[in-house]
């Protein structure tokens, strides 16, 4: 919806079975989004997209970042519940302080 061309796993492909494969696929997609988003100008970010043109490309990309952050938080909770060390993502975790 934001007009980015990003490689995706199709619905017909099997989901990666190993954590390393998931990480590799995620990193590939994240790099592609970064490269595509860098091509957008300020005017592009204000271009309306989505259902009935109610959202701009910039707003959709902002939602994507917020959505990813939400899932990152979910994963940190699950890692803590499993008693595993929580990796530093943006800053030291409470366990590191």
PDB file of N, CA and C in Angstrom:
ATOM      1  N   UNK A   1       0.814  -1.202   0.000  1.00  0.00           N
ATOM      2  CA  UNK A   1       0.000   0.000   0.000  1.00  0.00           C
ATOM      3  C   UNK A   1       0.854   1.262   0.000  1.00  0.00           C
ATOM      4  N   UNK A   2       2.093   1.171   0.449  1.00  0.00           N
ATOM      5  CA  UNK A   2       2.964   2.341   0.448  1.00  0.00           C
ATOM      6  C   UNK A   2       3.706   2.469  -0.870  1.00  0.00           C
ATOM      7  N   UNK A   3       3.493   1.541  -1.782  1.00  0.00           N
ATOM      8  CA  UNK A   3       4.124   1.618  -3.084  1.00  0.00           C
ATOM      9  C   UNK A   3       5.572   1.164  -3.111  1.00  0.00           C
ATOM     10  N   UNK A   4       5.971   0.343  -2.146  1.00  0.00           N
ATOM     11  CA  UNK A   4       7.340  -0.166  -2.106  1.00  0.00           C
ATOM     12  C   UNK A   4       7.398  -1.533  -2.772  1.00  0.00           C
ATOM     13  N   UNK A   5       8.485  -1.801  -3.471  1.00  0.00           N
ATOM     14  CA  UNK A   5       8.705  -3.113  -4.075  1.00  0.00           C
ATOM     15  C   UNK A   5       9.663  -3.871  -3.171  1.00  0.00           C
ATOM     16  N   UNK A   6       9.112  -4.829  -2.425  1.00  0.00           N
ATOM     17  CA  UNK A   6       9.888  -5.556  -1.426  1.00  0.00           C
ATOM     18  C   UNK A   6       9.679  -7.055  -1.637  1.00  0.00           C
ATOM     19  N   UNK A   7      10.774  -7.847  -1.649  1.00  0.00           N
ATOM     20  CA  UNK A   7      10.610  -9.297  -1.810  1.00  0.00           C
ATOM     21  C   UNK A   7       9.883  -9.887  -0.604  1.00  0.00           C
ATOM     22  N   UNK A   8       8.914 -10.702  -0.884  1.00  0.00           N
ATOM     23  CA  UNK A   8       8.120 -11.313   0.181  1.00  0.00           C
ATOM     24  C   UNK A   8       8.082 -12.824  -0.020  1.00  0.00           C
ATOM     25  N   UNK A   9       7.822 -13.532   1.048  1.00  0.00           N
ATOM     26  CA  UNK A   9       7.580 -14.974   0.947  1.00  0.00           C
ATOM     27  C   UNK A   9       6.130 -15.121   0.502  1.00  0.00           C
ATOM     28  N   UNK A  10       5.901 -15.851  -0.563  1.00  0.00           N
ATOM     29  CA  UNK A  10       4.532 -16.025  -1.052  1.00  0.00           C
ATOM     30  C   UNK A  10       3.773 -17.004  -0.154  1.00  0.00           C
ATOM     31  N   UNK A  11       2.482 -16.962  -0.264  1.00  0.00           N
ATOM     32  CA  UNK A  11       1.640 -17.859   0.542  1.00  0.00           C
ATOM     33  C   UNK A  11       1.863 -19.319   0.176  1.00  0.00           C
ATOM     34  N   UNK A  12       2.365 -19.562  -1.031  1.00  0.00           N
ATOM     35  CA  UNK A  12       2.605 -20.932  -1.486  1.00  0.00           C
ATOM     36  C   UNK A  12       3.901 -21.519  -0.936  1.00  0.00           C
ATOM     37  N   UNK A  13       4.819 -20.655  -0.489  1.00  0.00           N
ATOM     38  CA  UNK A  13       6.094 -21.125   0.039  1.00  0.00           C
ATOM     39  C   UNK A  13       5.934 -21.569   1.488  1.00  0.00           C
ATOM     40  N   UNK A  14       6.763 -22.519   1.888  1.00  0.00           N
ATOM     41  CA  UNK A  14       6.703 -22.975   3.272  1.00  0.00           C
ATOM     42  C   UNK A  14       7.369 -21.939   4.183  1.00  0.00           C
ATOM     43  N   UNK A  15       6.872 -21.875   5.396  1.00  0.00           N
ATOM     44  CA  UNK A  15       7.431 -20.957   6.389  1.00  0.00           C
ATOM     45  C   UNK A  15       8.779 -21.520   6.837  1.00  0.00           C
ATOM     46  N   UNK A  16       9.802 -20.658   6.969  1.00  0.00           N
ATOM     47  CA  UNK A  16      11.103 -21.160   7.425  1.00  0.00           C
ATOM     48  C   UNK A  16      10.962 -21.918   8.748  1.00  0.00           C
ATOM     49  N   UNK A  17      11.663 -23.036   8.848  1.00  0.00           N
ATOM     50  CA  UNK A  17      11.539 -23.898  10.022  1.00  0.00           C
ATOM     51  C   UNK A  17      12.556 -23.579  11.107  1.00  0.00           C
ATOM     52  N   UNK A  18      13.628 -22.925  10.761  1.00  0.00           N
ATOM     53  CA  UNK A  18      14.701 -22.650  11.719  1.00  0.00           C
ATOM     54  C   UNK A  18      14.808 -21.155  11.978  1.00  0.00           C
ATOM     55  N   UNK A  19      15.187 -20.822  13.202  1.00  0.00           N
ATOM     56  CA  UNK A  19      15.312 -19.423  13.599  1.00  0.00           C
ATOM     57  C   UNK A  19      16.262 -18.677  12.666  1.00  0.00           C
ATOM     58  N   UNK A  20      17.382 -19.298  12.298  1.00  0.00           N
ATOM     59  CA  UNK A  20      18.355 -18.641  11.419  1.00  0.00           C
ATOM     60  C   UNK A  20      17.722 -18.276  10.079  1.00  0.00           C
ATOM     61  N   UNK A  21      16.864 -19.171   9.537  1.00  0.00           N
ATOM     62  CA  UNK A  21      16.192 -18.899   8.260  1.00  0.00           C
ATOM     63  C   UNK A  21      15.209 -17.733   8.404  1.00  0.00           C
ATOM     64  N   UNK A  22      14.522 -17.675   9.528  1.00  0.00           N
ATOM     65  CA  UNK A  22      13.581 -16.585   9.784  1.00  0.00           C
ATOM     66  C   UNK A  22      14.335 -15.267   9.892  1.00  0.00           C
ATOM     67  N   UNK A  23      15.443 -15.270  10.612  1.00  0.00           N
ATOM     68  CA  UNK A  23      16.251 -14.062  10.774  1.00  0.00           C
ATOM     69  C   UNK A  23      16.767 -13.586   9.413  1.00  0.00           C
ATOM     70  N   UNK A  24      17.264 -14.507   8.614  1.00  0.00           N
ATOM     71  CA  UNK A  24      17.793 -14.152   7.292  1.00  0.00           C
ATOM     72  C   UNK A  24      16.701 -13.550   6.412  1.00  0.00           C
ATOM     73  N   UNK A  25      15.524 -14.155   6.402  1.00  0.00           N
ATOM     74  CA  UNK A  25      14.407 -13.641   5.600  1.00  0.00           C
ATOM     75  C   UNK A  25      13.974 -12.261   6.104  1.00  0.00           C
ATOM     76  N   UNK A  26      13.919 -12.094   7.430  1.00  0.00           N
ATOM     77  CA  UNK A  26      13.532 -10.802   8.001  1.00  0.00           C
ATOM     78  C   UNK A  26      14.549  -9.729   7.638  1.00  0.00           C
ATOM     79  N   UNK A  27      15.829 -10.038   7.791  1.00  0.00           N
ATOM     80  CA  UNK A  27      16.878  -9.062   7.480  1.00  0.00           C
ATOM     81  C   UNK A  27      16.851  -8.673   6.004  1.00  0.00           C
ATOM     82  N   UNK A  28      16.575  -9.631   5.137  1.00  0.00           N
ATOM     83  CA  UNK A  28      16.493  -9.345   3.702  1.00  0.00           C
ATOM     84  C   UNK A  28      15.327  -8.394   3.423  1.00  0.00           C
ATOM     85  N   UNK A  29      14.169  -8.681   4.006  1.00  0.00           N
ATOM     86  CA  UNK A  29      13.002  -7.820   3.803  1.00  0.00           C
ATOM     87  C   UNK A  29      13.218  -6.442   4.416  1.00  0.00           C
ATOM     88  N   UNK A  30      13.814  -6.382   5.609  1.00  0.00           N
ATOM     89  CA  UNK A  30      14.057  -5.101   6.272  1.00  0.00           C
ATOM     90  C   UNK A  30      15.007  -4.231   5.456  1.00  0.00           C
ATOM     91  N   UNK A  31      16.032  -4.824   4.889  1.00  0.00           N
ATOM     92  CA  UNK A  31      16.978  -4.075   4.061  1.00  0.00           C
ATOM     93  C   UNK A  31      16.300  -3.563   2.800  1.00  0.00           C
ATOM     94  N   UNK A  32      15.424  -4.376   2.208  1.00  0.00           N
ATOM     95  CA  UNK A  32      14.707  -3.956   1.007  1.00  0.00           C
ATOM     96  C   UNK A  32      13.772  -2.781   1.315  1.00  0.00           C
ATOM     97  N   UNK A  33      13.084  -2.836   2.453  1.00  0.00           N
ATOM     98  CA  UNK A  33      12.211  -1.722   2.856  1.00  0.00           C
ATOM     99  C   UNK A  33      13.043  -0.463   3.060  1.00  0.00           C
ATOM    100  N   UNK A  34      14.170  -0.600   3.716  1.00  0.00           N
ATOM    101  CA  UNK A  34      15.060   0.545   3.966  1.00  0.00           C
ATOM    102  C   UNK A  34      15.511   1.176   2.648  1.00  0.00           C
ATOM    103  N   UNK A  35      15.932   0.348   1.707  1.00  0.00           N
ATOM    104  CA  UNK A  35      16.390   0.852   0.409  1.00  0.00           C
ATOM    105  C   UNK A  35      15.266   1.524  -0.368  1.00  0.00           C
ATOM    106  N   UNK A  36      14.093   0.906  -0.373  1.00  0.00           N
ATOM    107  CA  UNK A  36      12.955   1.468  -1.097  1.00  0.00           C
ATOM    108  C   UNK A  36      12.473   2.770  -0.443  1.00  0.00           C
ATOM    109  N   UNK A  37      12.395   2.792   0.876  1.00  0.00           N
ATOM    110  CA  UNK A  37      11.913   3.986   1.580  1.00  0.00           C
ATOM    111  C   UNK A  37      12.869   5.160   1.387  1.00  0.00           C
ATOM    112  N   UNK A  38      14.166   4.873   1.251  1.00  0.00           N
ATOM    113  CA  UNK A  38      15.153   5.940   1.050  1.00  0.00           C
ATOM    114  C   UNK A  38      14.939   6.651  -0.281  1.00  0.00           C
ATOM    115  N   UNK A  39      14.260   6.003  -1.212  1.00  0.00           N
ATOM    116  CA  UNK A  39      13.997   6.600  -2.520  1.00  0.00           C
ATOM    117  C   UNK A  39      12.834   7.590  -2.483  1.00  0.00           C
ATOM    118  N   UNK A  40      12.037   7.547  -1.412  1.00  0.00           N
ATOM    119  CA  UNK A  40      10.855   8.406  -1.335  1.00  0.00           C
ATOM    120  C   UNK A  40      11.234   9.835  -0.965  1.00  0.00           C
ATOM    121  N   UNK A  41      10.615  10.775  -1.643  1.00  0.00           N
ATOM    122  CA  UNK A  41      10.826  12.191  -1.324  1.00  0.00           C
ATOM    123  C   UNK A  41       9.774  12.635  -0.306  1.00  0.00           C
ATOM    124  N   UNK A  42       9.918  13.846   0.198  1.00  0.00           N
ATOM    125  CA  UNK A  42       8.918  14.388   1.113  1.00  0.00           C
ATOM    126  C   UNK A  42       7.541  14.424   0.450  1.00  0.00           C
ATOM    127  N   UNK A  43       7.506  14.779  -0.825  1.00  0.00           N
ATOM    128  CA  UNK A  43       6.236  14.816  -1.561  1.00  0.00           C
ATOM    129  C   UNK A  43       5.645  13.407  -1.653  1.00  0.00           C
ATOM    130  N   UNK A  44       6.505  12.406  -1.921  1.00  0.00           N
ATOM    131  CA  UNK A  44       6.031  11.018  -1.973  1.00  0.00           C
ATOM    132  C   UNK A  44       5.375  10.612  -0.654  1.00  0.00           C
ATOM    133  N   UNK A  45       5.999  11.002   0.456  1.00  0.00           N
ATOM    134  CA  UNK A  45       5.475  10.612   1.774  1.00  0.00           C
ATOM    135  C   UNK A  45       4.117  11.237   2.058  1.00  0.00           C
ATOM    136  N   UNK A  46       3.801  12.329   1.389  1.00  0.00           N
ATOM    137  CA  UNK A  46       2.505  12.993   1.588  1.00  0.00           C
ATOM    138  C   UNK A  46       1.451  12.536   0.584  1.00  0.00           C
ATOM    139  N   UNK A  47       1.845  11.648  -0.341  1.00  0.00           N
ATOM    140  CA  UNK A  47       0.913  11.118  -1.329  1.00  0.00           C
ATOM    141  C   UNK A  47      -0.077  10.197  -0.639  1.00  0.00           C
ATOM    142  N   UNK A  48      -1.363  10.421  -0.917  1.00  0.00           N
ATOM    143  CA  UNK A  48      -2.388   9.600  -0.278  1.00  0.00           C
ATOM    144  C   UNK A  48      -2.439   8.209  -0.897  1.00  0.00           C
ATOM    145  N   UNK A  49      -2.578   7.207  -0.025  1.00  0.00           N
ATOM    146  CA  UNK A  49      -2.665   5.806  -0.427  1.00  0.00           C
ATOM    147  C   UNK A  49      -3.671   5.116   0.473  1.00  0.00           C
ATOM    148  N   UNK A  50      -3.977   3.903   0.134  1.00  0.00           N
ATOM    149  CA  UNK A  50      -4.811   3.098   1.013  1.00  0.00           C
ATOM    150  C   UNK A  50      -6.281   3.166   0.652  1.00  0.00           C
ATOM    151  N   UNK A  51      -7.087   2.676   1.560  1.00  0.00           N
ATOM    152  CA  UNK A  51      -8.527   2.593   1.344  1.00  0.00           C
ATOM    153  C   UNK A  51      -9.107   3.992   1.216  1.00  0.00           C
ATOM    154  N   UNK A  52      -9.723   4.257   0.092  1.00  0.00           N
ATOM    155  CA  UNK A  52     -10.363   5.545  -0.182  1.00  0.00           C
ATOM    156  C   UNK A  52      -9.402   6.711   0.022  1.00  0.00           C
ATOM    157  N   UNK A  53      -8.105   6.458  -0.167  1.00  0.00           N
ATOM    158  CA  UNK A  53      -7.081   7.505  -0.037  1.00  0.00           C
ATOM    159  C   UNK A  53      -7.171   8.253   1.289  1.00  0.00           C
ATOM    160  N   UNK A  54      -7.291   7.505   2.389  1.00  0.00           N
ATOM    161  CA  UNK A  54      -7.400   8.148   3.702  1.00  0.00           C
ATOM    162  C   UNK A  54      -6.073   8.188   4.444  1.00  0.00           C
ATOM    163  N   UNK A  55      -5.035   7.599   3.862  1.00  0.00           N
ATOM    164  CA  UNK A  55      -3.741   7.589   4.535  1.00  0.00           C
ATOM    165  C   UNK A  55      -2.646   7.946   3.527  1.00  0.00           C
ATOM    166  N   UNK A  56      -1.623   8.603   4.021  1.00  0.00           N
ATOM    167  CA  UNK A  56      -0.482   8.916   3.165  1.00  0.00           C
ATOM    168  C   UNK A  56       0.530   7.776   3.227  1.00  0.00           C
ATOM    169  N   UNK A  57       1.444   7.769   2.259  1.00  0.00           N
ATOM    170  CA  UNK A  57       2.514   6.769   2.281  1.00  0.00           C
ATOM    171  C   UNK A  57       3.322   6.905   3.570  1.00  0.00           C
ATOM    172  N   UNK A  58       3.578   8.132   3.992  1.00  0.00           N
ATOM    173  CA  UNK A  58       4.327   8.373   5.231  1.00  0.00           C
ATOM    174  C   UNK A  58       3.614   7.797   6.434  1.00  0.00           C
ATOM    175  N   UNK A  59       2.290   7.970   6.494  1.00  0.00           N
ATOM    176  CA  UNK A  59       1.513   7.436   7.621  1.00  0.00           C
ATOM    177  C   UNK A  59       1.542   5.913   7.618  1.00  0.00           C
ATOM    178  N   UNK A  60       1.488   5.305   6.434  1.00  0.00           N
ATOM    179  CA  UNK A  60       1.555   3.844   6.348  1.00  0.00           C
ATOM    180  C   UNK A  60       2.918   3.328   6.800  1.00  0.00           C
ATOM    181  N   UNK A  61       3.984   4.014   6.422  1.00  0.00           N
ATOM    182  CA  UNK A  61       5.318   3.603   6.859  1.00  0.00           C
ATOM    183  C   UNK A  61       5.471   3.796   8.360  1.00  0.00           C
ATOM    184  N   UNK A  62       4.883   4.853   8.906  1.00  0.00           N
ATOM    185  CA  UNK A  62       4.914   5.076  10.360  1.00  0.00           C
ATOM    186  C   UNK A  62       4.186   3.944  11.077  1.00  0.00           C
ATOM    187  N   UNK A  63       3.038   3.528  10.541  1.00  0.00           N
ATOM    188  CA  UNK A  63       2.297   2.405  11.118  1.00  0.00           C
ATOM    189  C   UNK A  63       3.139   1.139  11.090  1.00  0.00           C
ATOM    190  N   UNK A  64       3.871   0.920   9.992  1.00  0.00           N
ATOM    191  CA  UNK A  64       4.724  -0.269   9.869  1.00  0.00           C
ATOM    192  C   UNK A  64       5.771  -0.304  10.983  1.00  0.00           C
ATOM    193  N   UNK A  65       6.370   0.846  11.269  1.00  0.00           N
ATOM    194  CA  UNK A  65       7.366   0.923  12.344  1.00  0.00           C
ATOM    195  C   UNK A  65       6.697   0.645  13.697  1.00  0.00           C
ATOM    196  N   UNK A  66       5.539   1.272  13.936  1.00  0.00           N
ATOM    197  CA  UNK A  66       4.829   1.041  15.199  1.00  0.00           C
ATOM    198  C   UNK A  66       4.426  -0.424  15.356  1.00  0.00           C
ATOM    199  N   UNK A  67       3.975  -1.035  14.279  1.00  0.00           N
ATOM    200  CA  UNK A  67       3.541  -2.434  14.324  1.00  0.00           C
ATOM    201  C   UNK A  67       4.725  -3.352  14.638  1.00  0.00           C
ATOM    202  N   UNK A  68       5.859  -3.079  14.016  1.00  0.00           N
ATOM    203  CA  UNK A  68       7.059  -3.866  14.289  1.00  0.00           C
ATOM    204  C   UNK A  68       7.488  -3.710  15.748  1.00  0.00           C
ATOM    205  N   UNK A  69       7.421  -2.495  16.259  1.00  0.00           N
ATOM    206  CA  UNK A  69       7.795  -2.239  17.649  1.00  0.00           C
ATOM    207  C   UNK A  69       6.882  -3.009  18.600  1.00  0.00           C
ATOM    208  N   UNK A  70       5.593  -3.051  18.280  1.00  0.00           N
ATOM    209  CA  UNK A  70       4.626  -3.810  19.085  1.00  0.00           C
ATOM    210  C   UNK A  70       5.031  -5.287  19.156  1.00  0.00           C
ATOM    211  N   UNK A  71       5.345  -5.868  18.007  1.00  0.00           N
ATOM    212  CA  UNK A  71       5.730  -7.284  17.995  1.00  0.00           C
ATOM    213  C   UNK A  71       7.082  -7.514  18.668  1.00  0.00           C
ATOM    214  N   UNK A  72       7.976  -6.551  18.573  1.00  0.00           N
ATOM    215  CA  UNK A  72       9.265  -6.669  19.279  1.00  0.00           C
ATOM    216  C   UNK A  72       8.999  -6.742  20.782  1.00  0.00           C
ATOM    217  N   UNK A  73       8.092  -5.907  21.269  1.00  0.00           N
ATOM    218  CA  UNK A  73       7.739  -5.944  22.690  1.00  0.00           C
ATOM    219  C   UNK A  73       7.138  -7.278  23.090  1.00  0.00           C
ATOM    220  N   UNK A  74       6.275  -7.823  22.236  1.00  0.00           N
ATOM    221  CA  UNK A  74       5.699  -9.135  22.517  1.00  0.00           C
ATOM    222  C   UNK A  74       6.785 -10.197  22.634  1.00  0.00           C
ATOM    223  N   UNK A  75       7.751 -10.162  21.724  1.00  0.00           N
ATOM    224  CA  UNK A  75       8.833 -11.146  21.754  1.00  0.00           C
ATOM    225  C   UNK A  75       9.674 -11.002  23.023  1.00  0.00           C
ATOM    226  N   UNK A  76       9.913  -9.762  23.458  1.00  0.00           N
ATOM    227  CA  UNK A  76      10.694  -9.565  24.688  1.00  0.00           C
ATOM    228  C   UNK A  76       9.970 -10.161  25.889  1.00  0.00           C
ATOM    229  N   UNK A  77       8.651 -10.019  25.936  1.00  0.00           N
ATOM    230  CA  UNK A  77       7.875 -10.612  27.031  1.00  0.00           C
ATOM    231  C   UNK A  77       7.997 -12.126  26.993  1.00  0.00           C
ATOM    232  N   UNK A  78       7.860 -12.716  25.809  1.00  0.00           N
ATOM    233  CA  UNK A  78       7.950 -14.166  25.687  1.00  0.00           C
ATOM    234  C   UNK A  78       9.345 -14.675  26.055  1.00  0.00           C
ATOM    235  N   UNK A  79      10.380 -13.948  25.658  1.00  0.00           N
ATOM    236  CA  UNK A  79      11.749 -14.343  26.000  1.00  0.00           C
ATOM    237  C   UNK A  79      11.936 -14.299  27.512  1.00  0.00           C
ATOM    238  N   UNK A  80      11.433 -13.242  28.154  1.00  0.00           N
ATOM    239  CA  UNK A  80      11.532 -13.143  29.622  1.00  0.00           C
ATOM    240  C   UNK A  80      10.765 -14.277  30.304  1.00  0.00           C
ATOM    241  N   UNK A  81       9.563 -14.556  29.816  1.00  0.00           N
ATOM    242  CA  UNK A  81       8.763 -15.632  30.405  1.00  0.00           C
ATOM    243  C   UNK A  81       9.452 -16.982  30.265  1.00  0.00           C
ATOM    244  N   UNK A  82      10.230 -17.152  29.208  1.00  0.00           N
ATOM    245  CA  UNK A  82      10.954 -18.405  29.002  1.00  0.00           C
ATOM    246  C   UNK A  82      12.243 -18.457  29.811  1.00  0.00           C
ATOM    247  N   UNK A  83      12.553 -17.354  30.520  1.00  0.00           N
ATOM    248  CA  UNK A  83      13.759 -17.319  31.347  1.00  0.00           C
ATOM    249  C   UNK A  83      15.042 -17.153  30.551  1.00  0.00           C
ATOM    250  N   UNK A  84      14.919 -16.658  29.333  1.00  0.00           N
ATOM    251  CA  UNK A  84      16.091 -16.463  28.472  1.00  0.00           C
ATOM    252  C   UNK A  84      16.596 -15.028  28.579  1.00  0.00           C
ATOM    253  N   UNK A  85      17.852 -14.787  28.237  1.00  0.00           N
ATOM    254  CA  UNK A  85      18.365 -13.417  28.271  1.00  0.00           C
ATOM    255  C   UNK A  85      17.734 -12.590  27.151  1.00  0.00           C
ATOM    256  N   UNK A  86      17.314 -11.385  27.489  1.00  0.00           N
ATOM    257  CA  UNK A  86      16.691 -10.491  26.517  1.00  0.00           C
ATOM    258  C   UNK A  86      17.794  -9.699  25.815  1.00  0.00           C
ATOM    259  N   UNK A  87      17.852  -9.774  24.485  1.00  0.00           N
ATOM    260  CA  UNK A  87      18.912  -9.045  23.775  1.00  0.00           C
ATOM    261  C   UNK A  87      18.641  -7.545  23.746  1.00  0.00           C
ATOM    262  N   UNK A  88      19.698  -6.778  23.711  1.00  0.00           N
ATOM    263  CA  UNK A  88      19.573  -5.333  23.564  1.00  0.00           C
ATOM    264  C   UNK A  88      19.141  -5.038  22.139  1.00  0.00           C
ATOM    265  N   UNK A  89      18.108  -4.233  21.997  1.00  0.00           N
ATOM    266  CA  UNK A  89      17.616  -3.894  20.667  1.00  0.00           C
ATOM    267  C   UNK A  89      17.897  -2.427  20.364  1.00  0.00           C
ATOM    268  N   UNK A  90      17.410  -1.553  21.221  1.00  0.00           N
ATOM    269  CA  UNK A  90      17.598  -0.114  21.000  1.00  0.00           C
ATOM    270  C   UNK A  90      18.434   0.511  22.135  1.00  0.00           C
ATOM    271  N   UNK A  91      18.468  -0.155  23.238  1.00  0.00           N
ATOM    272  CA  UNK A  91      19.198   0.346  24.404  1.00  0.00           C
ATOM    273  C   UNK A  91      19.374  -0.837  25.359  1.00  0.00           C
ATOM    274  N   UNK A  92      20.175  -0.677  26.391  1.00  0.00           N
ATOM    275  CA  UNK A  92      20.313  -1.783  27.342  1.00  0.00           C
ATOM    276  C   UNK A  92      18.951  -2.171  27.938  1.00  0.00           C
ATOM    277  N   UNK A  93      18.750  -3.450  28.137  1.00  0.00           N
ATOM    278  CA  UNK A  93      17.503  -3.922  28.739  1.00  0.00           C
ATOM    279  C   UNK A  93      17.584  -3.731  30.254  1.00  0.00           C
ATOM    280  N   UNK A  94      16.458  -3.912  30.931  1.00  0.00           N
ATOM    281  CA  UNK A  94      16.464  -3.741  32.395  1.00  0.00           C
ATOM    282  C   UNK A  94      17.394  -4.761  33.052  1.00  0.00           C
ATOM    283  N   UNK A  95      17.543  -5.937  32.440  1.00  0.00           N
ATOM    284  CA  UNK A  95      18.441  -6.945  32.991  1.00  0.00           C
ATOM    285  C   UNK A  95      19.913  -6.534  32.878  1.00  0.00           C
ATOM    286  N   UNK A  96      20.224  -5.706  31.903  1.00  0.00           N
ATOM    287  CA  UNK A  96      21.594  -5.273  31.673  1.00  0.00           C
ATOM    288  C   UNK A  96      21.996  -4.103  32.593  1.00  0.00           C
ATOM    289  N   UNK A  97      21.032  -3.447  33.168  1.00  0.00           N
ATOM    290  CA  UNK A  97      21.334  -2.257  33.981  1.00  0.00           C
ATOM    291  C   UNK A  97      21.697  -2.627  35.389  1.00  0.00           C
TER     292      UNK A  97
END
